[in-house]
Amino acid sequence: MELTVTQRRENDLLDRTEVRFSISHPQAGTPGRGDIRKALAAVLNAKDAVVILDWARSEFGRTSTRGYAKVYKSKERAMALETPPILIRNGLLQRVAKKEAPKEAPEAPAPRGEKKEAKPEPKPEAAKEAPKEEAPKKEPSAKPAKDDGAKKEAPKPPREEKKEAPGKKEPAKKEEAPKEKKPAAKKEGK
């Protein structure tokens, strides 16, 4: 693995050195972040400094990698300036594990053919059941029921005709014979 620094810039305002680099690795795959940080520290003579690897991308079809790194003089300065994801990737900050509350297993839905077991419910449920009993009373029976086992269809409301307002007359519509469908045109080019 051969590391070449292509651009080096001293940033006095942020107390860091910004470095663009290129790595040639013909015998091996893309080097890991730790290997790149160690190689940069050796090339830049940064023994006590903190090397933060911002990004490293391999070039498609080649055995070389380009990247960008920042070298801080102290760990405190790096912790103050860098974002948490970059610090986690470079090993300066530990990932905070999210604590998951123990979840109760949700009830499995009953198969379609079986009914759910009845469980005693509090009084608000009983109040909801009372209106359900009254619902069948509201249903009007306009047609006599047939007993030949056919499915019952809900009675359809009678169709209302539009009533014209007095004084407003619409022109009479001409009755036209239904038009014959013409065959669809063939698509060209196939």
N, C-alpha and C. Protein backbone atom coordinates (compact mmCIF):
# COMPACT_ATOMS: atom_id res chain seq x y z
N MET A 1 0.85 -1.17 0.00
CA MET A 1 0.00 0.00 0.00
C MET A 1 0.89 1.23 0.00
N GLU A 2 0.71 2.07 -1.02
CA GLU A 2 1.53 3.26 -1.17
C GLU A 2 0.64 4.50 -1.07
N LEU A 3 0.89 5.35 -0.08
CA LEU A 3 0.08 6.54 0.16
C LEU A 3 0.80 7.77 -0.36
N THR A 4 0.07 8.59 -1.12
CA THR A 4 0.62 9.83 -1.66
C THR A 4 -0.30 10.98 -1.25
N VAL A 5 0.27 12.03 -0.65
CA VAL A 5 -0.50 13.21 -0.27
C VAL A 5 -0.58 14.11 -1.50
N THR A 6 -1.80 14.34 -2.00
CA THR A 6 -1.96 15.17 -3.20
C THR A 6 -2.16 16.64 -2.86
N GLN A 7 -2.75 16.94 -1.71
CA GLN A 7 -2.96 18.33 -1.31
C GLN A 7 -2.90 18.41 0.21
N ARG A 8 -2.23 19.43 0.72
CA ARG A 8 -2.10 19.61 2.16
C ARG A 8 -2.35 21.08 2.48
N ARG A 9 -3.23 21.34 3.45
CA ARG A 9 -3.59 22.71 3.79
C ARG A 9 -3.62 22.85 5.31
N GLU A 10 -2.93 23.87 5.81
CA GLU A 10 -2.95 24.17 7.24
C GLU A 10 -4.12 25.10 7.51
N ASN A 11 -5.02 24.71 8.41
CA ASN A 11 -6.16 25.54 8.78
C ASN A 11 -5.93 25.99 10.23
N ASP A 12 -5.36 27.19 10.37
CA ASP A 12 -5.01 27.71 11.69
C ASP A 12 -6.24 28.09 12.50
N LEU A 13 -7.30 28.50 11.84
CA LEU A 13 -8.51 28.90 12.53
C LEU A 13 -9.13 27.73 13.31
N LEU A 14 -9.10 26.56 12.72
CA LEU A 14 -9.66 25.37 13.37
C LEU A 14 -8.60 24.46 13.99
N ASP A 15 -7.36 24.88 13.98
CA ASP A 15 -6.24 24.12 14.55
C ASP A 15 -6.17 22.71 13.99
N ARG A 16 -6.14 22.61 12.66
CA ARG A 16 -6.04 21.30 12.04
C ARG A 16 -5.33 21.41 10.70
N THR A 17 -4.90 20.25 10.18
CA THR A 17 -4.30 20.14 8.86
C THR A 17 -5.25 19.30 8.02
N GLU A 18 -5.65 19.84 6.85
CA GLU A 18 -6.57 19.13 5.96
C GLU A 18 -5.76 18.51 4.83
N VAL A 19 -5.99 17.22 4.58
CA VAL A 19 -5.17 16.48 3.64
C VAL A 19 -6.04 15.73 2.64
N ARG A 20 -5.71 15.85 1.35
CA ARG A 20 -6.30 15.00 0.31
C ARG A 20 -5.20 14.03 -0.11
N PHE A 21 -5.59 12.77 -0.27
CA PHE A 21 -4.57 11.75 -0.52
C PHE A 21 -5.05 10.75 -1.56
N SER A 22 -4.08 9.95 -2.02
CA SER A 22 -4.35 8.87 -2.95
C SER A 22 -3.54 7.66 -2.49
N ILE A 23 -4.18 6.50 -2.51
CA ILE A 23 -3.51 5.27 -2.09
C ILE A 23 -3.54 4.28 -3.25
N SER A 24 -2.39 3.70 -3.52
CA SER A 24 -2.29 2.66 -4.54
C SER A 24 -2.16 1.32 -3.81
N HIS A 25 -3.05 0.37 -4.13
CA HIS A 25 -3.04 -0.94 -3.46
C HIS A 25 -3.26 -2.05 -4.49
N PRO A 26 -2.22 -2.33 -5.32
CA PRO A 26 -2.40 -3.31 -6.41
C PRO A 26 -2.53 -4.77 -5.93
N GLN A 27 -1.90 -5.17 -4.83
CA GLN A 27 -1.95 -6.56 -4.40
C GLN A 27 -3.11 -6.86 -3.46
N ALA A 28 -3.78 -5.86 -2.96
CA ALA A 28 -4.83 -6.10 -1.97
C ALA A 28 -6.09 -5.30 -2.32
N GLY A 29 -7.15 -5.58 -1.58
CA GLY A 29 -8.39 -4.84 -1.76
C GLY A 29 -8.29 -3.46 -1.13
N THR A 30 -9.41 -2.79 -1.07
CA THR A 30 -9.44 -1.46 -0.48
C THR A 30 -9.05 -1.55 1.00
N PRO A 31 -8.09 -0.74 1.43
CA PRO A 31 -7.66 -0.80 2.83
C PRO A 31 -8.74 -0.29 3.77
N GLY A 32 -8.70 -0.74 5.02
CA GLY A 32 -9.68 -0.33 6.03
C GLY A 32 -9.38 1.07 6.55
N ARG A 33 -10.34 1.63 7.28
CA ARG A 33 -10.18 2.98 7.81
C ARG A 33 -9.00 3.06 8.79
N GLY A 34 -8.85 2.04 9.61
CA GLY A 34 -7.74 2.02 10.58
C GLY A 34 -6.39 2.01 9.89
N ASP A 35 -6.26 1.21 8.82
CA ASP A 35 -4.99 1.14 8.08
C ASP A 35 -4.67 2.49 7.43
N ILE A 36 -5.69 3.14 6.88
CA ILE A 36 -5.47 4.44 6.24
C ILE A 36 -5.05 5.48 7.27
N ARG A 37 -5.69 5.48 8.45
CA ARG A 37 -5.31 6.44 9.50
C ARG A 37 -3.87 6.23 9.95
N LYS A 38 -3.46 4.96 10.10
CA LYS A 38 -2.07 4.68 10.52
C LYS A 38 -1.07 5.13 9.46
N ALA A 39 -1.39 4.89 8.18
CA ALA A 39 -0.49 5.30 7.10
C ALA A 39 -0.39 6.82 7.02
N LEU A 40 -1.52 7.52 7.20
CA LEU A 40 -1.49 8.99 7.18
C LEU A 40 -0.68 9.54 8.35
N ALA A 41 -0.85 8.96 9.53
CA ALA A 41 -0.09 9.42 10.70
C ALA A 41 1.41 9.24 10.47
N ALA A 42 1.81 8.14 9.81
CA ALA A 42 3.22 7.89 9.54
C ALA A 42 3.77 8.89 8.51
N VAL A 43 3.01 9.16 7.45
CA VAL A 43 3.47 10.07 6.39
C VAL A 43 3.54 11.51 6.89
N LEU A 44 2.56 11.92 7.74
CA LEU A 44 2.49 13.30 8.21
C LEU A 44 3.25 13.54 9.51
N ASN A 45 3.90 12.51 10.04
CA ASN A 45 4.64 12.59 11.31
C ASN A 45 3.74 13.12 12.42
N ALA A 46 2.54 12.59 12.53
CA ALA A 46 1.56 13.02 13.53
C ALA A 46 1.41 11.91 14.56
N LYS A 47 2.41 11.82 15.48
CA LYS A 47 2.39 10.74 16.47
C LYS A 47 1.34 11.00 17.55
N ASP A 48 1.31 12.20 18.12
CA ASP A 48 0.36 12.50 19.19
C ASP A 48 -0.93 13.10 18.66
N ALA A 49 -0.99 13.38 17.37
CA ALA A 49 -2.16 14.03 16.78
C ALA A 49 -3.28 13.01 16.53
N VAL A 50 -4.47 13.55 16.33
CA VAL A 50 -5.64 12.73 16.06
C VAL A 50 -5.95 12.84 14.57
N VAL A 51 -5.95 11.69 13.87
CA VAL A 51 -6.24 11.66 12.44
C VAL A 51 -7.70 11.24 12.28
N ILE A 52 -8.48 12.11 11.63
CA ILE A 52 -9.89 11.84 11.36
C ILE A 52 -10.03 11.61 9.86
N LEU A 53 -10.40 10.41 9.47
CA LEU A 53 -10.63 10.09 8.06
C LEU A 53 -12.07 10.47 7.73
N ASP A 54 -12.23 11.48 6.89
CA ASP A 54 -13.57 11.96 6.54
C ASP A 54 -14.21 11.04 5.52
N TRP A 55 -13.53 10.79 4.41
CA TRP A 55 -14.04 9.85 3.42
C TRP A 55 -12.91 9.24 2.62
N ALA A 56 -13.15 8.06 2.08
CA ALA A 56 -12.20 7.37 1.20
C ALA A 56 -13.02 6.58 0.20
N ARG A 57 -12.77 6.81 -1.09
CA ARG A 57 -13.54 6.15 -2.15
C ARG A 57 -12.59 5.48 -3.13
N SER A 58 -12.90 4.22 -3.43
CA SER A 58 -12.12 3.50 -4.42
C SER A 58 -12.55 3.92 -5.80
N GLU A 59 -11.59 3.98 -6.73
CA GLU A 59 -11.90 4.33 -8.10
C GLU A 59 -12.33 3.06 -8.83
N PHE A 60 -13.40 3.17 -9.60
CA PHE A 60 -13.97 2.01 -10.27
C PHE A 60 -12.97 1.43 -11.28
N GLY A 61 -12.75 0.14 -11.19
CA GLY A 61 -11.90 -0.57 -12.14
C GLY A 61 -10.41 -0.37 -11.91
N ARG A 62 -10.03 0.29 -10.84
CA ARG A 62 -8.61 0.54 -10.57
C ARG A 62 -8.29 0.08 -9.15
N THR A 63 -7.01 -0.03 -8.89
CA THR A 63 -6.57 -0.43 -7.55
C THR A 63 -6.04 0.79 -6.80
N SER A 64 -6.82 1.86 -6.84
CA SER A 64 -6.42 3.06 -6.11
C SER A 64 -7.64 3.64 -5.40
N THR A 65 -7.36 4.34 -4.32
CA THR A 65 -8.39 4.96 -3.49
C THR A 65 -8.01 6.40 -3.24
N ARG A 66 -9.00 7.30 -3.35
CA ARG A 66 -8.77 8.71 -3.04
C ARG A 66 -9.53 9.03 -1.77
N GLY A 67 -9.08 10.05 -1.02
CA GLY A 67 -9.77 10.38 0.21
C GLY A 67 -9.40 11.73 0.77
N TYR A 68 -10.07 12.05 1.89
CA TYR A 68 -9.89 13.33 2.57
C TYR A 68 -9.81 13.06 4.06
N ALA A 69 -8.81 13.63 4.72
CA ALA A 69 -8.62 13.43 6.15
C ALA A 69 -8.27 14.76 6.82
N LYS A 70 -8.49 14.82 8.14
CA LYS A 70 -8.17 16.01 8.93
C LYS A 70 -7.30 15.55 10.09
N VAL A 71 -6.24 16.29 10.35
CA VAL A 71 -5.33 15.94 11.43
C VAL A 71 -5.42 17.06 12.48
N TYR A 72 -5.91 16.70 13.66
CA TYR A 72 -6.05 17.66 14.77
C TYR A 72 -4.87 17.51 15.71
N LYS A 73 -4.52 18.60 16.39
CA LYS A 73 -3.41 18.56 17.33
C LYS A 73 -3.83 17.98 18.67
N SER A 74 -5.13 18.05 19.00
CA SER A 74 -5.60 17.47 20.25
C SER A 74 -6.95 16.79 20.04
N LYS A 75 -7.22 15.81 20.88
CA LYS A 75 -8.46 15.07 20.80
C LYS A 75 -9.65 15.96 21.18
N GLU A 76 -9.46 16.86 22.12
CA GLU A 76 -10.55 17.75 22.56
C GLU A 76 -11.03 18.63 21.42
N ARG A 77 -10.08 19.14 20.61
CA ARG A 77 -10.45 19.99 19.47
C ARG A 77 -11.23 19.20 18.42
N ALA A 78 -10.83 17.96 18.20
CA ALA A 78 -11.54 17.10 17.24
C ALA A 78 -12.95 16.80 17.74
N MET A 79 -13.08 16.55 19.04
CA MET A 79 -14.40 16.25 19.60
C MET A 79 -15.32 17.47 19.52
N ALA A 80 -14.76 18.66 19.61
CA ALA A 80 -15.58 19.88 19.57
C ALA A 80 -16.03 20.22 18.15
N LEU A 81 -15.22 19.90 17.14
CA LEU A 81 -15.52 20.34 15.78
C LEU A 81 -16.21 19.29 14.89
N GLU A 82 -15.91 18.04 15.09
CA GLU A 82 -16.43 17.00 14.18
C GLU A 82 -17.84 16.56 14.58
N THR A 83 -18.57 16.06 13.61
CA THR A 83 -19.92 15.56 13.84
C THR A 83 -19.88 14.18 14.48
N PRO A 84 -20.90 13.82 15.24
CA PRO A 84 -20.90 12.51 15.90
C PRO A 84 -20.74 11.31 14.96
N PRO A 85 -21.37 11.27 13.78
CA PRO A 85 -21.16 10.10 12.92
C PRO A 85 -19.70 9.92 12.49
N ILE A 86 -19.00 11.03 12.22
CA ILE A 86 -17.59 10.95 11.84
C ILE A 86 -16.75 10.47 13.02
N LEU A 87 -17.07 10.96 14.21
CA LEU A 87 -16.32 10.52 15.40
C LEU A 87 -16.55 9.04 15.68
N ILE A 88 -17.76 8.56 15.46
CA ILE A 88 -18.05 7.14 15.68
C ILE A 88 -17.28 6.29 14.68
N ARG A 89 -17.26 6.71 13.42
CA ARG A 89 -16.54 5.94 12.37
C ARG A 89 -15.05 5.88 12.64
N ASN A 90 -14.50 6.92 13.27
CA ASN A 90 -13.07 6.96 13.53
C ASN A 90 -12.69 6.45 14.91
N GLY A 91 -13.66 5.97 15.69
CA GLY A 91 -13.38 5.33 16.96
C GLY A 91 -13.17 6.28 18.13
N LEU A 92 -13.49 7.55 17.99
CA LEU A 92 -13.32 8.49 19.10
C LEU A 92 -14.56 8.58 19.97
N LEU A 93 -15.69 8.14 19.48
CA LEU A 93 -16.94 8.22 20.21
C LEU A 93 -17.64 6.87 20.08
N GLN A 94 -18.22 6.42 21.18
CA GLN A 94 -18.92 5.14 21.16
C GLN A 94 -20.38 5.37 20.76
N ARG A 95 -20.90 4.46 19.97
CA ARG A 95 -22.29 4.54 19.55
C ARG A 95 -23.19 4.31 20.75
N VAL A 96 -24.19 5.15 20.89
CA VAL A 96 -25.13 5.03 21.99
C VAL A 96 -26.18 4.01 21.60
N ALA A 97 -26.27 2.95 22.39
CA ALA A 97 -27.25 1.91 22.10
C ALA A 97 -28.62 2.38 22.56
N LYS A 98 -29.60 2.23 21.70
CA LYS A 98 -30.96 2.63 22.06
C LYS A 98 -31.56 1.55 22.94
N LYS A 99 -32.14 1.98 24.04
CA LYS A 99 -32.77 1.02 24.94
C LYS A 99 -34.19 0.79 24.45
N GLU A 100 -34.50 -0.46 24.22
CA GLU A 100 -35.83 -0.81 23.77
C GLU A 100 -36.64 -1.32 24.95
N ALA A 101 -37.82 -0.78 25.11
CA ALA A 101 -38.69 -1.23 26.17
C ALA A 101 -39.19 -2.62 25.81
N PRO A 102 -39.31 -3.50 26.81
CA PRO A 102 -39.80 -4.84 26.48
C PRO A 102 -41.22 -4.75 25.95
N LYS A 103 -41.39 -5.20 24.73
CA LYS A 103 -42.70 -5.12 24.10
C LYS A 103 -43.47 -6.41 24.35
N GLU A 104 -44.76 -6.23 24.59
CA GLU A 104 -45.61 -7.40 24.74
C GLU A 104 -45.92 -7.93 23.36
N ALA A 105 -45.98 -9.22 23.24
CA ALA A 105 -46.26 -9.82 21.95
C ALA A 105 -47.70 -9.49 21.56
N PRO A 106 -47.91 -8.96 20.37
CA PRO A 106 -49.28 -8.65 19.96
C PRO A 106 -50.06 -9.94 19.75
N GLU A 107 -51.36 -9.84 20.01
CA GLU A 107 -52.20 -11.03 19.85
C GLU A 107 -52.27 -11.39 18.39
N ALA A 108 -52.15 -12.68 18.12
CA ALA A 108 -52.25 -13.15 16.75
C ALA A 108 -53.71 -13.12 16.33
N PRO A 109 -54.00 -12.64 15.12
CA PRO A 109 -55.38 -12.61 14.69
C PRO A 109 -55.92 -14.04 14.54
N ALA A 110 -57.19 -14.18 14.88
CA ALA A 110 -57.82 -15.50 14.79
C ALA A 110 -58.00 -15.87 13.33
N PRO A 111 -57.90 -17.16 13.01
CA PRO A 111 -58.13 -17.58 11.63
C PRO A 111 -59.54 -17.19 11.22
N ARG A 112 -59.77 -17.03 9.94
CA ARG A 112 -61.03 -16.52 9.44
C ARG A 112 -62.23 -17.39 9.80
N GLY A 113 -62.05 -18.66 9.83
CA GLY A 113 -63.17 -19.57 10.08
C GLY A 113 -63.58 -19.61 11.54
N GLU A 114 -62.68 -19.23 12.44
CA GLU A 114 -62.97 -19.35 13.87
C GLU A 114 -63.32 -17.99 14.45
N LYS A 115 -64.12 -18.02 15.51
CA LYS A 115 -64.48 -16.79 16.19
C LYS A 115 -63.55 -16.59 17.39
N LYS A 116 -63.33 -15.34 17.74
CA LYS A 116 -62.47 -15.00 18.86
C LYS A 116 -63.20 -15.32 20.17
N GLU A 117 -62.45 -15.75 21.16
CA GLU A 117 -63.05 -16.07 22.45
C GLU A 117 -63.57 -14.80 23.09
N ALA A 118 -64.73 -14.91 23.71
CA ALA A 118 -65.31 -13.74 24.37
C ALA A 118 -64.63 -13.54 25.72
N LYS A 119 -64.17 -12.32 25.94
CA LYS A 119 -63.51 -11.99 27.20
C LYS A 119 -64.39 -10.98 27.92
N PRO A 120 -64.46 -11.05 29.25
CA PRO A 120 -65.25 -10.05 29.97
C PRO A 120 -64.61 -8.67 29.80
N GLU A 121 -65.41 -7.70 29.40
CA GLU A 121 -64.93 -6.35 29.14
C GLU A 121 -65.52 -5.40 30.18
N PRO A 122 -64.91 -4.23 30.36
CA PRO A 122 -65.46 -3.25 31.31
C PRO A 122 -66.79 -2.68 30.79
N LYS A 123 -67.47 -1.89 31.63
CA LYS A 123 -68.79 -1.35 31.34
C LYS A 123 -68.87 -0.51 30.07
N PRO A 124 -67.84 0.26 29.65
CA PRO A 124 -67.98 1.05 28.42
C PRO A 124 -68.30 0.16 27.22
N GLU A 125 -67.84 -1.06 27.20
CA GLU A 125 -68.13 -1.97 26.09
C GLU A 125 -69.61 -2.33 26.09
N ALA A 126 -70.21 -2.52 27.27
CA ALA A 126 -71.62 -2.87 27.35
C ALA A 126 -72.47 -1.71 26.83
N ALA A 127 -72.05 -0.48 27.05
CA ALA A 127 -72.80 0.67 26.56
C ALA A 127 -72.76 0.72 25.04
N LYS A 128 -71.67 0.25 24.44
CA LYS A 128 -71.56 0.24 22.99
C LYS A 128 -72.46 -0.83 22.37
N GLU A 129 -72.68 -1.90 23.09
CA GLU A 129 -73.47 -3.00 22.56
C GLU A 129 -74.95 -2.62 22.47
N ALA A 130 -75.47 -1.80 23.36
CA ALA A 130 -76.88 -1.43 23.38
C ALA A 130 -77.32 -0.79 22.06
N PRO A 131 -76.60 0.17 21.47
CA PRO A 131 -77.05 0.73 20.20
C PRO A 131 -77.04 -0.30 19.07
N LYS A 132 -76.19 -1.31 19.16
CA LYS A 132 -76.15 -2.32 18.12
C LYS A 132 -77.45 -3.11 18.08
N GLU A 133 -78.07 -3.31 19.22
CA GLU A 133 -79.31 -4.06 19.26
C GLU A 133 -80.44 -3.28 18.61
N GLU A 134 -80.41 -1.96 18.69
CA GLU A 134 -81.45 -1.13 18.12
C GLU A 134 -81.30 -0.99 16.61
N ALA A 135 -80.13 -1.21 16.08
CA ALA A 135 -79.88 -1.00 14.66
C ALA A 135 -80.81 -1.82 13.76
N PRO A 136 -81.10 -3.10 14.02
CA PRO A 136 -81.97 -3.85 13.13
C PRO A 136 -83.39 -3.28 13.07
N LYS A 137 -83.86 -2.58 14.09
CA LYS A 137 -85.20 -2.03 14.11
C LYS A 137 -85.37 -0.93 13.07
N LYS A 138 -84.30 -0.22 12.74
CA LYS A 138 -84.37 0.89 11.81
C LYS A 138 -84.50 0.41 10.37
N GLU A 139 -84.17 -0.81 10.07
CA GLU A 139 -84.15 -1.32 8.70
C GLU A 139 -85.59 -1.51 8.19
N PRO A 140 -85.99 -0.81 7.14
CA PRO A 140 -87.35 -0.97 6.62
C PRO A 140 -87.45 -2.23 5.78
N SER A 141 -88.60 -2.87 5.84
CA SER A 141 -88.80 -4.07 5.03
C SER A 141 -89.78 -3.72 3.93
N ALA A 142 -89.25 -3.25 2.79
CA ALA A 142 -90.08 -2.82 1.68
C ALA A 142 -90.57 -4.01 0.85
N LYS A 143 -89.73 -5.02 0.71
CA LYS A 143 -90.10 -6.18 -0.10
C LYS A 143 -90.20 -7.40 0.80
N PRO A 144 -91.12 -8.31 0.51
CA PRO A 144 -91.21 -9.52 1.32
C PRO A 144 -89.99 -10.40 1.07
N ALA A 145 -89.53 -11.06 2.14
CA ALA A 145 -88.34 -11.91 2.05
C ALA A 145 -88.68 -13.20 1.32
N LYS A 146 -87.74 -13.67 0.51
CA LYS A 146 -87.92 -14.93 -0.20
C LYS A 146 -87.28 -16.04 0.61
N ASP A 147 -87.93 -17.15 0.66
CA ASP A 147 -87.43 -18.26 1.46
C ASP A 147 -86.70 -19.30 0.64
N ASP A 148 -86.38 -19.05 -0.63
CA ASP A 148 -85.75 -20.08 -1.45
C ASP A 148 -84.23 -20.12 -1.28
N GLY A 149 -83.66 -19.50 -0.24
CA GLY A 149 -82.24 -19.65 0.07
C GLY A 149 -81.36 -18.70 -0.73
N ALA A 150 -81.91 -17.84 -1.55
CA ALA A 150 -81.09 -16.91 -2.32
C ALA A 150 -80.58 -15.82 -1.38
N LYS A 151 -79.51 -15.19 -1.76
CA LYS A 151 -78.93 -14.13 -0.94
C LYS A 151 -79.87 -12.94 -0.93
N LYS A 152 -79.99 -12.32 0.20
CA LYS A 152 -80.85 -11.15 0.32
C LYS A 152 -80.07 -9.94 -0.17
N GLU A 153 -80.74 -9.17 -1.02
CA GLU A 153 -80.12 -7.96 -1.51
C GLU A 153 -80.77 -6.78 -0.82
N ALA A 154 -80.00 -5.79 -0.57
CA ALA A 154 -80.53 -4.59 0.09
C ALA A 154 -81.47 -3.89 -0.88
N PRO A 155 -82.62 -3.41 -0.40
CA PRO A 155 -83.55 -2.73 -1.30
C PRO A 155 -82.92 -1.44 -1.82
N LYS A 156 -83.08 -1.21 -3.11
CA LYS A 156 -82.50 -0.02 -3.72
C LYS A 156 -83.50 1.11 -3.62
N PRO A 157 -83.05 2.30 -3.31
CA PRO A 157 -83.96 3.43 -3.22
C PRO A 157 -84.51 3.75 -4.61
N PRO A 158 -85.76 4.20 -4.70
CA PRO A 158 -86.32 4.51 -6.01
C PRO A 158 -85.57 5.66 -6.65
N ARG A 159 -85.44 5.60 -7.95
CA ARG A 159 -84.69 6.60 -8.69
C ARG A 159 -85.50 7.89 -8.75
N GLU A 160 -84.86 8.97 -8.39
CA GLU A 160 -85.56 10.25 -8.41
C GLU A 160 -85.30 10.94 -9.72
N GLU A 161 -86.35 11.49 -10.29
CA GLU A 161 -86.21 12.22 -11.54
C GLU A 161 -85.95 13.67 -11.21
N LYS A 162 -85.21 14.33 -12.09
CA LYS A 162 -84.91 15.74 -11.87
C LYS A 162 -86.16 16.54 -12.13
N LYS A 163 -86.48 17.38 -11.20
CA LYS A 163 -87.64 18.25 -11.36
C LYS A 163 -87.15 19.60 -11.82
N GLU A 164 -87.83 20.11 -12.84
CA GLU A 164 -87.43 21.40 -13.39
C GLU A 164 -88.08 22.51 -12.58
N ALA A 165 -87.33 23.55 -12.38
CA ALA A 165 -87.87 24.70 -11.67
C ALA A 165 -88.86 25.41 -12.59
N PRO A 166 -89.95 25.95 -12.06
CA PRO A 166 -90.90 26.65 -12.92
C PRO A 166 -90.25 27.88 -13.54
N GLY A 167 -90.49 28.09 -14.79
CA GLY A 167 -89.94 29.24 -15.50
C GLY A 167 -88.65 28.91 -16.22
N LYS A 168 -87.98 27.85 -15.85
CA LYS A 168 -86.73 27.47 -16.52
C LYS A 168 -87.01 26.23 -17.35
N LYS A 169 -86.80 26.35 -18.62
CA LYS A 169 -87.03 25.20 -19.49
C LYS A 169 -85.73 24.88 -20.21
N GLU A 170 -85.43 23.62 -20.24
CA GLU A 170 -84.26 23.18 -20.97
C GLU A 170 -84.70 22.77 -22.36
N PRO A 171 -83.84 22.98 -23.34
CA PRO A 171 -84.22 22.56 -24.69
C PRO A 171 -84.36 21.04 -24.73
N ALA A 172 -85.30 20.58 -25.52
CA ALA A 172 -85.55 19.14 -25.62
C ALA A 172 -84.34 18.47 -26.25
N LYS A 173 -83.96 17.34 -25.70
CA LYS A 173 -82.82 16.61 -26.22
C LYS A 173 -83.29 15.71 -27.36
N LYS A 174 -82.52 15.73 -28.41
CA LYS A 174 -82.85 14.87 -29.54
C LYS A 174 -82.38 13.46 -29.24
N GLU A 175 -83.21 12.54 -29.58
CA GLU A 175 -82.83 11.15 -29.39
C GLU A 175 -82.00 10.72 -30.57
N GLU A 176 -80.82 10.25 -30.28
CA GLU A 176 -79.92 9.82 -31.34
C GLU A 176 -79.81 8.31 -31.33
N ALA A 177 -79.65 7.78 -32.52
CA ALA A 177 -79.46 6.34 -32.63
C ALA A 177 -78.08 6.00 -32.09
N PRO A 178 -77.94 4.87 -31.43
CA PRO A 178 -76.62 4.50 -30.91
C PRO A 178 -75.61 4.35 -32.04
N LYS A 179 -74.45 4.92 -31.80
CA LYS A 179 -73.39 4.87 -32.82
C LYS A 179 -72.74 3.50 -32.82
N GLU A 180 -72.36 3.06 -34.01
CA GLU A 180 -71.68 1.77 -34.14
C GLU A 180 -70.20 1.97 -33.83
N LYS A 181 -69.64 0.99 -33.19
CA LYS A 181 -68.22 1.08 -32.87
C LYS A 181 -67.40 0.73 -34.10
N LYS A 182 -66.40 1.55 -34.32
CA LYS A 182 -65.51 1.29 -35.44
C LYS A 182 -64.35 0.47 -34.94
N PRO A 183 -63.83 -0.43 -35.77
CA PRO A 183 -62.67 -1.21 -35.31
C PRO A 183 -61.47 -0.29 -35.06
N ALA A 184 -60.70 -0.62 -34.04
CA ALA A 184 -59.54 0.20 -33.69
C ALA A 184 -58.52 0.15 -34.81
N ALA A 185 -57.86 1.30 -35.02
CA ALA A 185 -56.85 1.38 -36.07
C ALA A 185 -55.64 0.56 -35.67
N LYS A 186 -55.02 -0.07 -36.66
CA LYS A 186 -53.84 -0.88 -36.38
C LYS A 186 -52.66 0.03 -36.14
N LYS A 187 -51.84 -0.34 -35.19
CA LYS A 187 -50.65 0.45 -34.90
C LYS A 187 -49.59 0.16 -35.93
N GLU A 188 -48.98 1.22 -36.41
CA GLU A 188 -47.95 1.05 -37.42
C GLU A 188 -46.61 0.81 -36.76
N GLY A 189 -45.71 0.19 -37.47
CA GLY A 189 -44.36 -0.02 -36.99
C GLY A 189 -44.14 -1.33 -36.31
N LYS A 190 -45.12 -2.20 -36.30
CA LYS A 190 -44.89 -3.49 -35.65
C LYS A 190 -44.82 -4.58 -36.67
